[in-house]
C-alpha atoms as a PDB file:
ATOM      1  CA  UNK A   1      17.560 -13.424  27.543  1.00  0.00           C
ATOM      2  CA  UNK A   2      19.882 -16.393  28.045  1.00  0.00           C
ATOM      3  CA  UNK A   3      19.881 -19.044  25.350  1.00  0.00           C
ATOM      4  CA  UNK A   4      22.947 -21.227  24.900  1.00  0.00           C
ATOM      5  CA  UNK A   5      24.672 -21.414  21.530  1.00  0.00           C
ATOM      6  CA  UNK A   6      23.864 -25.124  21.289  1.00  0.00           C
ATOM      7  CA  UNK A   7      20.183 -24.537  22.007  1.00  0.00           C
ATOM      8  CA  UNK A   8      20.013 -21.708  19.474  1.00  0.00           C
ATOM      9  CA  UNK A   9      21.696 -23.877  16.823  1.00  0.00           C
ATOM     10  CA  UNK A  10      19.211 -26.660  17.500  1.00  0.00           C
ATOM     11  CA  UNK A  11      16.244 -24.287  17.148  1.00  0.00           C
ATOM     12  CA  UNK A  12      17.549 -22.929  13.868  1.00  0.00           C
ATOM     13  CA  UNK A  13      18.043 -26.424  12.471  1.00  0.00           C
ATOM     14  CA  UNK A  14      14.546 -27.444  13.584  1.00  0.00           C
ATOM     15  CA  UNK A  15      12.959 -24.385  11.982  1.00  0.00           C
ATOM     16  CA  UNK A  16      14.377 -25.022   8.512  1.00  0.00           C
ATOM     17  CA  UNK A  17      11.637 -26.604   6.330  1.00  0.00           C
ATOM     18  CA  UNK A  18      13.367 -26.093   2.982  1.00  0.00           C
ATOM     19  CA  UNK A  19      15.695 -28.405   1.053  1.00  0.00           C
ATOM     20  CA  UNK A  20      19.432 -27.846   1.264  1.00  0.00           C
ATOM     21  CA  UNK A  21      19.568 -25.937  -2.001  1.00  0.00           C
ATOM     22  CA  UNK A  22      21.150 -22.689  -3.084  1.00  0.00           C
ATOM     23  CA  UNK A  23      19.029 -19.821  -1.823  1.00  0.00           C
ATOM     24  CA  UNK A  24      18.559 -16.236  -2.869  1.00  0.00           C
ATOM     25  CA  UNK A  25      20.453 -13.362  -1.248  1.00  0.00           C
ATOM     26  CA  UNK A  26      19.142 -12.175   2.101  1.00  0.00           C
ATOM     27  CA  UNK A  27      16.614  -9.374   2.025  1.00  0.00           C
ATOM     28  CA  UNK A  28      17.134  -6.144   3.915  1.00  0.00           C
ATOM     29  CA  UNK A  29      15.003  -7.421   6.789  1.00  0.00           C
ATOM     30  CA  UNK A  30      16.964 -10.665   7.100  1.00  0.00           C
ATOM     31  CA  UNK A  31      20.283  -8.846   6.954  1.00  0.00           C
ATOM     32  CA  UNK A  32      19.118  -6.592   9.776  1.00  0.00           C
ATOM     33  CA  UNK A  33      18.265  -9.582  11.953  1.00  0.00           C
ATOM     34  CA  UNK A  34      21.543 -11.310  11.160  1.00  0.00           C
ATOM     35  CA  UNK A  35      23.574  -8.249  12.059  1.00  0.00           C
ATOM     36  CA  UNK A  36      21.673  -7.848  15.318  1.00  0.00           C
ATOM     37  CA  UNK A  37      22.334 -11.480  16.220  1.00  0.00           C
ATOM     38  CA  UNK A  38      26.031 -11.207  15.382  1.00  0.00           C
ATOM     39  CA  UNK A  39      26.389  -8.157  17.590  1.00  0.00           C
ATOM     40  CA  UNK A  40      24.309  -9.679  20.374  1.00  0.00           C
ATOM     41  CA  UNK A  41      21.977  -6.679  20.528  1.00  0.00           C
ATOM     42  CA  UNK A  42      19.163  -4.896  18.755  1.00  0.00           C
ATOM     43  CA  UNK A  43      19.394  -1.150  18.254  1.00  0.00           C
ATOM     44  CA  UNK A  44      16.962   0.502  20.659  1.00  0.00           C
ATOM     45  CA  UNK A  45      17.698   4.129  19.780  1.00  0.00           C
ATOM     46  CA  UNK A  46      15.196   6.300  17.977  1.00  0.00           C
ATOM     47  CA  UNK A  47      16.982   5.768  14.677  1.00  0.00           C
ATOM     48  CA  UNK A  48      15.550   2.975  12.470  1.00  0.00           C
ATOM     49  CA  UNK A  49      15.738  -0.211  14.504  1.00  0.00           C
ATOM     50  CA  UNK A  50      16.703  -3.719  13.536  1.00  0.00           C
ATOM     51  CA  UNK A  51      13.730  -5.633  12.227  1.00  0.00           C
ATOM     52  CA  UNK A  52      12.854  -9.159  11.353  1.00  0.00           C
ATOM     53  CA  UNK A  53      10.559 -10.289   8.607  1.00  0.00           C
ATOM     54  CA  UNK A  54       9.739 -12.851   5.996  1.00  0.00           C
ATOM     55  CA  UNK A  55      10.726 -13.115   2.365  1.00  0.00           C
ATOM     56  CA  UNK A  56      10.323 -16.222   0.217  1.00  0.00           C
ATOM     57  CA  UNK A  57      13.442 -15.268  -1.680  1.00  0.00           C
ATOM     58  CA  UNK A  58      15.571 -16.330   1.270  1.00  0.00           C
ATOM     59  CA  UNK A  59      13.368 -18.933   2.874  1.00  0.00           C
ATOM     60  CA  UNK A  60      15.877 -20.799   5.007  1.00  0.00           C
ATOM     61  CA  UNK A  61      17.441 -17.638   6.373  1.00  0.00           C
ATOM     62  CA  UNK A  62      14.037 -16.076   6.912  1.00  0.00           C
ATOM     63  CA  UNK A  63      12.716 -19.009   8.947  1.00  0.00           C
ATOM     64  CA  UNK A  64      15.918 -19.008  10.962  1.00  0.00           C
ATOM     65  CA  UNK A  65      15.425 -15.307  11.612  1.00  0.00           C
ATOM     66  CA  UNK A  66      11.855 -15.915  12.716  1.00  0.00           C
ATOM     67  CA  UNK A  67      13.058 -18.619  15.105  1.00  0.00           C
ATOM     68  CA  UNK A  68      15.517 -16.211  16.727  1.00  0.00           C
ATOM     69  CA  UNK A  69      13.012 -13.372  16.964  1.00  0.00           C
ATOM     70  CA  UNK A  70      10.394 -15.720  18.404  1.00  0.00           C
ATOM     71  CA  UNK A  71      12.813 -16.668  21.170  1.00  0.00           C
ATOM     72  CA  UNK A  72      13.335 -12.995  21.934  1.00  0.00           C
ATOM     73  CA  UNK A  73       9.658 -12.144  21.668  1.00  0.00           C
ATOM     74  CA  UNK A  74       8.498 -14.780  24.137  1.00  0.00           C
ATOM     75  CA  UNK A  75      11.035 -13.620  26.680  1.00  0.00           C
ATOM     76  CA  UNK A  76      10.155  -9.964  26.171  1.00  0.00           C
ATOM     77  CA  UNK A  77       6.431 -10.490  26.572  1.00  0.00           C
ATOM     78  CA  UNK A  78       6.645 -12.204  29.916  1.00  0.00           C
ATOM     79  CA  UNK A  79       4.787 -15.198  31.355  1.00  0.00           C
ATOM     80  CA  UNK A  80       1.271 -13.751  31.346  1.00  0.00           C
ATOM     81  CA  UNK A  81       1.179 -12.609  27.727  1.00  0.00           C
ATOM     82  CA  UNK A  82       0.595 -14.792  24.700  1.00  0.00           C
ATOM     83  CA  UNK A  83       3.077 -14.985  21.852  1.00  0.00           C
ATOM     84  CA  UNK A  84       0.257 -16.209  19.611  1.00  0.00           C
ATOM     85  CA  UNK A  85      -0.882 -12.576  19.307  1.00  0.00           C
ATOM     86  CA  UNK A  86       2.314 -11.916  17.359  1.00  0.00           C
ATOM     87  CA  UNK A  87       1.093 -13.819  14.295  1.00  0.00           C
ATOM     88  CA  UNK A  88      -1.599 -12.703  11.811  1.00  0.00           C
ATOM     89  CA  UNK A  89      -4.848 -14.661  11.871  1.00  0.00           C
ATOM     90  CA  UNK A  90      -5.126 -17.469   9.292  1.00  0.00           C
ATOM     91  CA  UNK A  91      -7.156 -16.715   6.180  1.00  0.00           C
ATOM     92  CA  UNK A  92     -10.670 -18.173   6.143  1.00  0.00           C
ATOM     93  CA  UNK A  93     -11.720 -20.055   2.985  1.00  0.00           C
ATOM     94  CA  UNK A  94     -15.108 -21.004   1.520  1.00  0.00           C
ATOM     95  CA  UNK A  95     -16.775 -22.280  -1.671  1.00  0.00           C
ATOM     96  CA  UNK A  96     -14.000 -24.662  -2.703  1.00  0.00           C
ATOM     97  CA  UNK A  97     -14.290 -25.646  -6.380  1.00  0.00           C
ATOM     98  CA  UNK A  98     -12.716 -28.710  -8.036  1.00  0.00           C
ATOM     99  CA  UNK A  99      -9.028 -28.218  -8.802  1.00  0.00           C
ATOM    100  CA  UNK A 100      -9.651 -28.645 -12.534  1.00  0.00           C
ATOM    101  CA  UNK A 101     -12.148 -25.767 -12.479  1.00  0.00           C
ATOM    102  CA  UNK A 102      -9.818 -23.468 -10.556  1.00  0.00           C
ATOM    103  CA  UNK A 103      -6.929 -24.175 -12.918  1.00  0.00           C
ATOM    104  CA  UNK A 104      -9.104 -23.793 -16.015  1.00  0.00           C
ATOM    105  CA  UNK A 105     -10.470 -20.433 -14.810  1.00  0.00           C
ATOM    106  CA  UNK A 106      -6.970 -19.168 -14.041  1.00  0.00           C
ATOM    107  CA  UNK A 107      -5.672 -20.311 -17.425  1.00  0.00           C
ATOM    108  CA  UNK A 108      -8.505 -18.527 -19.250  1.00  0.00           C
ATOM    109  CA  UNK A 109      -7.668 -15.266 -17.510  1.00  0.00           C
ATOM    110  CA  UNK A 110      -3.966 -15.722 -18.149  1.00  0.00           C
ATOM    111  CA  UNK A 111      -4.644 -16.329 -21.853  1.00  0.00           C
ATOM    112  CA  UNK A 112      -6.075 -12.820 -22.231  1.00  0.00           C
ATOM    113  CA  UNK A 113      -3.825 -10.139 -23.791  1.00  0.00           C
ATOM    114  CA  UNK A 114      -0.786  -9.789 -21.511  1.00  0.00           C
ATOM    115  CA  UNK A 115       0.511  -6.321 -20.641  1.00  0.00           C
ATOM    116  CA  UNK A 116       2.843  -7.585 -17.897  1.00  0.00           C
ATOM    117  CA  UNK A 117       6.450  -7.766 -19.075  1.00  0.00           C
ATOM    118  CA  UNK A 118       9.199  -9.753 -17.427  1.00  0.00           C
ATOM    119  CA  UNK A 119      11.370  -7.433 -15.358  1.00  0.00           C
ATOM    120  CA  UNK A 120      14.028  -7.758 -12.658  1.00  0.00           C
ATOM    121  CA  UNK A 121      12.092  -5.613 -10.235  1.00  0.00           C
ATOM    122  CA  UNK A 122       9.816  -7.118  -7.593  1.00  0.00           C
ATOM    123  CA  UNK A 123       7.623  -5.314  -5.101  1.00  0.00           C
ATOM    124  CA  UNK A 124       6.069  -7.288  -2.249  1.00  0.00           C
ATOM    125  CA  UNK A 125       4.016  -6.775   0.888  1.00  0.00           C
ATOM    126  CA  UNK A 126       4.773  -8.902   3.948  1.00  0.00           C
ATOM    127  CA  UNK A 127       4.989  -8.582   7.682  1.00  0.00           C
ATOM    128  CA  UNK A 128       7.680  -8.359  10.351  1.00  0.00           C
ATOM    129  CA  UNK A 129       8.250  -8.020  14.058  1.00  0.00           C
ATOM    130  CA  UNK A 130      10.019  -5.099  15.725  1.00  0.00           C
ATOM    131  CA  UNK A 131      11.593  -6.058  19.061  1.00  0.00           C
ATOM    132  CA  UNK A 132      12.755  -3.448  21.576  1.00  0.00           C
ATOM    133  CA  UNK A 133      14.424  -5.436  24.349  1.00  0.00           C
ATOM    134  CA  UNK A 134      15.340  -2.473  26.547  1.00  0.00           C
ATOM    135  CA  UNK A 135      11.762  -1.204  26.676  1.00  0.00           C
ATOM    136  CA  UNK A 136      10.186  -4.678  26.590  1.00  0.00           C
ATOM    137  CA  UNK A 137       8.191  -3.650  23.559  1.00  0.00           C
ATOM    138  CA  UNK A 138       6.897  -5.773  20.665  1.00  0.00           C
ATOM    139  CA  UNK A 139       5.326  -4.444  17.469  1.00  0.00           C
ATOM    140  CA  UNK A 140       3.926  -6.161  14.402  1.00  0.00           C
ATOM    141  CA  UNK A 141       4.812  -4.066  11.372  1.00  0.00           C
ATOM    142  CA  UNK A 142       3.490  -4.791   7.873  1.00  0.00           C
ATOM    143  CA  UNK A 143       6.216  -3.940   5.384  1.00  0.00           C
ATOM    144  CA  UNK A 144       6.550  -3.180   1.680  1.00  0.00           C
ATOM    145  CA  UNK A 145       9.786  -4.331   0.038  1.00  0.00           C
ATOM    146  CA  UNK A 146      11.194  -3.508  -3.389  1.00  0.00           C
ATOM    147  CA  UNK A 147      14.055  -5.506  -4.904  1.00  0.00           C
ATOM    148  CA  UNK A 148      15.684  -4.278  -8.125  1.00  0.00           C
ATOM    149  CA  UNK A 149      18.720  -5.941  -9.653  1.00  0.00           C
ATOM    150  CA  UNK A 150      20.923  -6.102 -12.695  1.00  0.00           C
ATOM    151  CA  UNK A 151      24.057  -8.167 -13.394  1.00  0.00           C
ATOM    152  CA  UNK A 152      25.719  -4.962 -14.570  1.00  0.00           C
ATOM    153  CA  UNK A 153      24.797  -2.602 -11.717  1.00  0.00           C
ATOM    154  CA  UNK A 154      24.000  -4.816  -8.716  1.00  0.00           C
ATOM    155  CA  UNK A 155      20.877  -4.582  -6.595  1.00  0.00           C
ATOM    156  CA  UNK A 156      18.942  -2.344  -4.231  1.00  0.00           C
ATOM    157  CA  UNK A 157      16.586  -3.771  -1.603  1.00  0.00           C
ATOM    158  CA  UNK A 158      14.360  -1.213   0.125  1.00  0.00           C
ATOM    159  CA  UNK A 159      11.878  -1.848   2.953  1.00  0.00           C
ATOM    160  CA  UNK A 160       9.271   0.719   3.981  1.00  0.00           C
ATOM    161  CA  UNK A 161       6.532   0.648   6.598  1.00  0.00           C
ATOM    162  CA  UNK A 162       3.057  -0.299   5.400  1.00  0.00           C
ATOM    163  CA  UNK A 163      -0.354   0.367   6.924  1.00  0.00           C
ATOM    164  CA  UNK A 164      -0.814  -0.966  10.458  1.00  0.00           C
ATOM    165  CA  UNK A 165      -2.857  -4.104  11.093  1.00  0.00           C
ATOM    166  CA  UNK A 166      -4.885  -2.575  13.890  1.00  0.00           C
ATOM    167  CA  UNK A 167      -6.384   0.728  14.940  1.00  0.00           C
ATOM    168  CA  UNK A 168      -5.265   1.989  18.357  1.00  0.00           C
ATOM    169  CA  UNK A 169      -8.345   0.618  20.096  1.00  0.00           C
ATOM    170  CA  UNK A 170      -8.065  -2.824  18.449  1.00  0.00           C
ATOM    171  CA  UNK A 171      -4.405  -3.640  19.045  1.00  0.00           C
ATOM    172  CA  UNK A 172      -3.891  -6.926  20.965  1.00  0.00           C
ATOM    173  CA  UNK A 173      -2.280  -6.918  24.379  1.00  0.00           C
ATOM    174  CA  UNK A 174       1.499  -6.921  24.121  1.00  0.00           C
ATOM    175  CA  UNK A 175       1.583  -5.293  20.671  1.00  0.00           C
ATOM    176  CA  UNK A 176       2.679  -1.659  20.608  1.00  0.00           C
ATOM    177  CA  UNK A 177       2.057   0.877  17.836  1.00  0.00           C
ATOM    178  CA  UNK A 178       4.748   1.216  15.200  1.00  0.00           C
ATOM    179  CA  UNK A 179       7.080   4.225  15.458  1.00  0.00           C
ATOM    180  CA  UNK A 180       6.922   4.484  11.659  1.00  0.00           C
ATOM    181  CA  UNK A 181       4.308   6.134   9.509  1.00  0.00           C
ATOM    182  CA  UNK A 182       3.265   4.270   6.339  1.00  0.00           C
ATOM    183  CA  UNK A 183       5.892   5.016   3.704  1.00  0.00           C
ATOM    184  CA  UNK A 184       8.759   5.606   6.138  1.00  0.00           C
ATOM    185  CA  UNK A 185      11.964   3.875   5.023  1.00  0.00           C
ATOM    186  CA  UNK A 186      12.941   1.129   7.471  1.00  0.00           C
ATOM    187  CA  UNK A 187      16.080  -0.052   5.720  1.00  0.00           C
ATOM    188  CA  UNK A 188      17.931  -0.050   2.403  1.00  0.00           C
ATOM    189  CA  UNK A 189      20.635  -2.475   1.289  1.00  0.00           C
ATOM    190  CA  UNK A 190      22.754  -1.861  -1.803  1.00  0.00           C
ATOM    191  CA  UNK A 191      24.755  -4.736  -3.325  1.00  0.00           C
ATOM    192  CA  UNK A 192      27.424  -4.201  -5.945  1.00  0.00           C
ATOM    193  CA  UNK A 193      27.476  -6.166  -9.194  1.00  0.00           C
ATOM    194  CA  UNK A 194      30.573  -8.033  -7.992  1.00  0.00           C
ATOM    195  CA  UNK A 195      28.762  -9.192  -4.842  1.00  0.00           C
ATOM    196  CA  UNK A 196      25.449  -9.996  -6.499  1.00  0.00           C
ATOM    197  CA  UNK A 197      24.978 -13.756  -6.090  1.00  0.00           C
ATOM    198  CA  UNK A 198      22.053 -14.796  -8.260  1.00  0.00           C
ATOM    199  CA  UNK A 199      22.147 -18.244  -9.930  1.00  0.00           C
ATOM    200  CA  UNK A 200      23.054 -18.036 -13.602  1.00  0.00           C
ATOM    201  CA  UNK A 201      19.955 -19.957 -14.658  1.00  0.00           C
ATOM    202  CA  UNK A 202      17.770 -17.403 -12.886  1.00  0.00           C
ATOM    203  CA  UNK A 203      19.577 -14.445 -14.436  1.00  0.00           C
ATOM    204  CA  UNK A 204      19.271 -15.880 -17.947  1.00  0.00           C
ATOM    205  CA  UNK A 205      15.574 -16.815 -17.680  1.00  0.00           C
ATOM    206  CA  UNK A 206      13.622 -16.063 -20.845  1.00  0.00           C
ATOM    207  CA  UNK A 207      10.478 -17.567 -22.291  1.00  0.00           C
ATOM    208  CA  UNK A 208       7.536 -19.391 -20.742  1.00  0.00           C
ATOM    209  CA  UNK A 209       8.040 -23.047 -21.632  1.00  0.00           C
ATOM    210  CA  UNK A 210       8.376 -25.739 -18.969  1.00  0.00           C
ATOM    211  CA  UNK A 211      11.963 -26.354 -20.000  1.00  0.00           C
ATOM    212  CA  UNK A 212      12.926 -22.692 -19.711  1.00  0.00           C
ATOM    213  CA  UNK A 213      11.264 -22.193 -16.346  1.00  0.00           C
ATOM    214  CA  UNK A 214      12.537 -25.475 -14.929  1.00  0.00           C
ATOM    215  CA  UNK A 215      16.109 -24.487 -15.812  1.00  0.00           C
ATOM    216  CA  UNK A 216      15.702 -21.560 -13.411  1.00  0.00           C
ATOM    217  CA  UNK A 217      13.777 -23.501 -10.760  1.00  0.00           C
ATOM    218  CA  UNK A 218      16.408 -26.278 -10.761  1.00  0.00           C
ATOM    219  CA  UNK A 219      18.994 -23.774  -9.551  1.00  0.00           C
ATOM    220  CA  UNK A 220      16.656 -22.902  -6.697  1.00  0.00           C
ATOM    221  CA  UNK A 221      16.294 -26.462  -5.415  1.00  0.00           C
ATOM    222  CA  UNK A 222      13.621 -28.011  -7.646  1.00  0.00           C
ATOM    223  CA  UNK A 223      14.099 -31.477  -9.145  1.00  0.00           C
ATOM    224  CA  UNK A 224      12.001 -33.570 -11.554  1.00  0.00           C
ATOM    225  CA  UNK A 225      10.777 -35.502  -8.500  1.00  0.00           C
ATOM    226  CA  UNK A 226       9.947 -32.475  -6.332  1.00  0.00           C
ATOM    227  CA  UNK A 227       6.646 -32.559  -4.475  1.00  0.00           C
ATOM    228  CA  UNK A 228       4.276 -29.639  -4.970  1.00  0.00           C
ATOM    229  CA  UNK A 229       5.458 -28.263  -1.637  1.00  0.00           C
ATOM    230  CA  UNK A 230       9.109 -28.367  -2.666  1.00  0.00           C
ATOM    231  CA  UNK A 231       8.303 -26.881  -6.062  1.00  0.00           C
ATOM    232  CA  UNK A 232       6.340 -24.069  -4.428  1.00  0.00           C
ATOM    233  CA  UNK A 233       9.411 -23.054  -2.423  1.00  0.00           C
ATOM    234  CA  UNK A 234      11.417 -22.741  -5.625  1.00  0.00           C
ATOM    235  CA  UNK A 235       8.619 -20.807  -7.326  1.00  0.00           C
ATOM    236  CA  UNK A 236       8.496 -18.403  -4.404  1.00  0.00           C
ATOM    237  CA  UNK A 237      12.217 -17.788  -4.711  1.00  0.00           C
ATOM    238  CA  UNK A 238      11.940 -17.242  -8.454  1.00  0.00           C
ATOM    239  CA  UNK A 239       9.181 -14.677  -7.911  1.00  0.00           C
ATOM    240  CA  UNK A 240      11.454 -12.843  -5.480  1.00  0.00           C
ATOM    241  CA  UNK A 241      13.811 -12.128  -8.408  1.00  0.00           C
ATOM    242  CA  UNK A 242      11.481 -11.626 -11.360  1.00  0.00           C
ATOM    243  CA  UNK A 243       8.112 -10.086 -12.104  1.00  0.00           C
ATOM    244  CA  UNK A 244       6.937 -12.675 -14.629  1.00  0.00           C
ATOM    245  CA  UNK A 245       4.521 -12.577 -17.561  1.00  0.00           C
ATOM    246  CA  UNK A 246       1.052 -14.113 -17.574  1.00  0.00           C
ATOM    247  CA  UNK A 247       2.304 -16.914 -19.829  1.00  0.00           C
ATOM    248  CA  UNK A 248       5.065 -17.728 -17.330  1.00  0.00           C
ATOM    249  CA  UNK A 249       2.549 -17.762 -14.456  1.00  0.00           C
ATOM    250  CA  UNK A 250       0.319 -20.138 -16.441  1.00  0.00           C
ATOM    251  CA  UNK A 251       3.201 -22.558 -16.881  1.00  0.00           C
ATOM    252  CA  UNK A 252       4.178 -22.385 -13.210  1.00  0.00           C
ATOM    253  CA  UNK A 253       0.620 -23.203 -12.113  1.00  0.00           C
ATOM    254  CA  UNK A 254       0.483 -26.201 -14.475  1.00  0.00           C
ATOM    255  CA  UNK A 255       3.853 -27.436 -13.218  1.00  0.00           C
ATOM    256  CA  UNK A 256       2.703 -27.149  -9.610  1.00  0.00           C
ATOM    257  CA  UNK A 257      -0.540 -29.044 -10.219  1.00  0.00           C
ATOM    258  CA  UNK A 258       1.270 -31.739 -12.214  1.00  0.00           C
ATOM    259  CA  UNK A 259       3.596 -32.298  -9.243  1.00  0.00           C
ATOM    260  CA  UNK A 260       0.550 -33.685  -7.389  1.00  0.00           C
ATOM    261  CA  UNK A 261      -0.925 -33.263  -3.953  1.00  0.00           C
ATOM    262  CA  UNK A 262      -2.508 -29.838  -4.562  1.00  0.00           C
ATOM    263  CA  UNK A 263      -5.786 -29.199  -2.695  1.00  0.00           C
ATOM    264  CA  UNK A 264      -8.243 -26.352  -3.215  1.00  0.00           C
ATOM    265  CA  UNK A 265      -8.959 -24.588   0.085  1.00  0.00           C
ATOM    266  CA  UNK A 266     -11.522 -22.241  -1.410  1.00  0.00           C
ATOM    267  CA  UNK A 267     -12.076 -18.557  -2.000  1.00  0.00           C
ATOM    268  CA  UNK A 268     -10.975 -15.781   0.353  1.00  0.00           C
ATOM    269  CA  UNK A 269      -9.608 -12.254   0.436  1.00  0.00           C
ATOM    270  CA  UNK A 270      -5.878 -11.846   0.878  1.00  0.00           C
ATOM    271  CA  UNK A 271      -4.287  -9.383   3.305  1.00  0.00           C
ATOM    272  CA  UNK A 272      -4.750  -6.585   0.769  1.00  0.00           C
ATOM    273  CA  UNK A 273      -8.444  -7.352   0.339  1.00  0.00           C
ATOM    274  CA  UNK A 274      -8.088  -8.956  -3.109  1.00  0.00           C
ATOM    275  CA  UNK A 275     -10.258 -11.921  -4.146  1.00  0.00           C
ATOM    276  CA  UNK A 276      -8.086 -15.030  -4.347  1.00  0.00           C
ATOM    277  CA  UNK A 277      -8.302 -18.811  -4.321  1.00  0.00           C
ATOM    278  CA  UNK A 278      -6.074 -20.752  -1.943  1.00  0.00           C
ATOM    279  CA  UNK A 279      -4.236 -23.883  -3.107  1.00  0.00           C
ATOM    280  CA  UNK A 280      -2.621 -26.006  -0.380  1.00  0.00           C
ATOM    281  CA  UNK A 281       0.447 -27.962  -1.479  1.00  0.00           C
ATOM    282  CA  UNK A 282       1.968 -31.172  -0.153  1.00  0.00           C
ATOM    283  CA  UNK A 283       4.589 -30.745   2.580  1.00  0.00           C
ATOM    284  CA  UNK A 284       5.557 -34.271   3.589  1.00  0.00           C
ATOM    285  CA  UNK A 285       7.432 -34.718   6.865  1.00  0.00           C
ATOM    286  CA  UNK A 286       7.085 -31.034   7.696  1.00  0.00           C
ATOM    287  CA  UNK A 287       5.442 -29.076  10.483  1.00  0.00           C
ATOM    288  CA  UNK A 288       4.702 -26.310   7.982  1.00  0.00           C
ATOM    289  CA  UNK A 289       1.741 -25.817   5.649  1.00  0.00           C
ATOM    290  CA  UNK A 290       2.272 -23.714   2.545  1.00  0.00           C
ATOM    291  CA  UNK A 291      -0.498 -22.127   0.509  1.00  0.00           C
ATOM    292  CA  UNK A 292      -0.484 -20.526  -2.934  1.00  0.00           C
ATOM    293  CA  UNK A 293      -2.876 -17.634  -3.585  1.00  0.00           C
ATOM    294  CA  UNK A 294      -4.188 -17.242  -7.135  1.00  0.00           C
ATOM    295  CA  UNK A 295      -5.962 -14.038  -8.157  1.00  0.00           C
ATOM    296  CA  UNK A 296      -9.568 -14.496  -9.223  1.00  0.00           C
ATOM    297  CA  UNK A 297      -9.252 -11.335 -11.352  1.00  0.00           C
ATOM    298  CA  UNK A 298      -6.052 -12.112 -13.271  1.00  0.00           C
ATOM    299  CA  UNK A 299      -5.246 -15.801 -12.686  1.00  0.00           C
ATOM    300  CA  UNK A 300      -1.749 -14.804 -11.565  1.00  0.00           C
ATOM    301  CA  UNK A 301       0.093 -16.060  -8.492  1.00  0.00           C
ATOM    302  CA  UNK A 302      -0.308 -13.126  -6.114  1.00  0.00           C
ATOM    303  CA  UNK A 303       0.655 -14.569  -2.732  1.00  0.00           C
ATOM    304  CA  UNK A 304       2.037 -17.360  -0.597  1.00  0.00           C
ATOM    305  CA  UNK A 305       1.424 -18.063   3.075  1.00  0.00           C
ATOM    306  CA  UNK A 306       3.383 -20.253   5.485  1.00  0.00           C
ATOM    307  CA  UNK A 307       1.876 -21.683   8.685  1.00  0.00           C
ATOM    308  CA  UNK A 308       3.474 -23.631  11.500  1.00  0.00           C
ATOM    309  CA  UNK A 309       1.025 -26.397  12.417  1.00  0.00           C
ATOM    310  CA  UNK A 310       2.155 -26.894  15.999  1.00  0.00           C
ATOM    311  CA  UNK A 311       4.353 -24.987  18.447  1.00  0.00           C
ATOM    312  CA  UNK A 312       8.056 -25.557  17.943  1.00  0.00           C
ATOM    313  CA  UNK A 313       9.940 -24.852  21.156  1.00  0.00           C
ATOM    314  CA  UNK A 314       9.534 -21.095  21.606  1.00  0.00           C
ATOM    315  CA  UNK A 315       7.833 -20.570  18.237  1.00  0.00           C
ATOM    316  CA  UNK A 316       4.018 -20.399  18.469  1.00  0.00           C
ATOM    317  CA  UNK A 317       1.829 -22.200  15.954  1.00  0.00           C
ATOM    318  CA  UNK A 318       0.147 -20.062  13.328  1.00  0.00           C
ATOM    319  CA  UNK A 319       1.043 -17.918  10.342  1.00  0.00           C
ATOM    320  CA  UNK A 320       4.799 -17.363  10.410  1.00  0.00           C
ATOM    321  CA  UNK A 321       5.020 -15.466   7.167  1.00  0.00           C
ATOM    322  CA  UNK A 322       3.352 -14.355   3.994  1.00  0.00           C
ATOM    323  CA  UNK A 323       4.387 -12.579   0.815  1.00  0.00           C
ATOM    324  CA  UNK A 324       2.043 -10.794  -1.603  1.00  0.00           C
ATOM    325  CA  UNK A 325       2.942  -9.881  -5.195  1.00  0.00           C
ATOM    326  CA  UNK A 326       1.365  -7.687  -7.884  1.00  0.00           C
ATOM    327  CA  UNK A 327       0.973  -4.883  -5.361  1.00  0.00           C
ATOM    328  CA  UNK A 328       1.869  -1.969  -7.662  1.00  0.00           C
END
């Protein structure tokens, strides 16, 4: 693959849909991509290979990583194969209710007795690409990530392989089976307390009032004038640090709706088969569409999806990332 430094810089700048705010530390998957780019190679041995993925906690870096991997993937696949096969299919929605009804139903569920405590441990399910340049091999690997942190002890970010998207007979052309069995550790990154860079307002978050939550969101790029799309990015980052209570989720949903421009897409099942309602937010002047997934069982925010609406250079249109929460 031959891509000039200037062209690569331009692609990375074009792929950044988020505001120029302070972002969360890179996840293990993003660190792996960064290190592979710095070295100019991806490890193709039989030891755990460098992987790329998506995490809302480091949105800018994650999109940049996806841009780089997309460049590699298109070149690896060759001219007769479609890069579109590398992205999961969009969710299909139906039975859209008025926004007021969706919010009211979620609030009623969130008002029930709450056994979820706020904790600095987050477990997510997402997806990533595995690129083997030497063997011209591309895999799509669902991944489970756990991030635990403490100002006193630092953090541990662990990524393990999840269940495959496809059975052997259903795998699209150009997508190889994963070398990992579900549960195999793909990577682990340990950060010391001295190197842990989490905004102070996020670390000190307590309570469920608008003022308390906005103090944390403001350090993640939100402003009083943020659109619902901009606010959603900050909420996604916050949820990458904290498992929040039902009361905190209720406040976040109200804040998002009050920001305006939220549209109900309808009911669907997320990538774990859970019943959810999709809320599309406003993303002005962006080629990306972001969707919030609200659980019909609990009313909690249980997922976010990000779609590219049209091809961007080497990056195919379609779902470029998703993150699912409450997966314990």
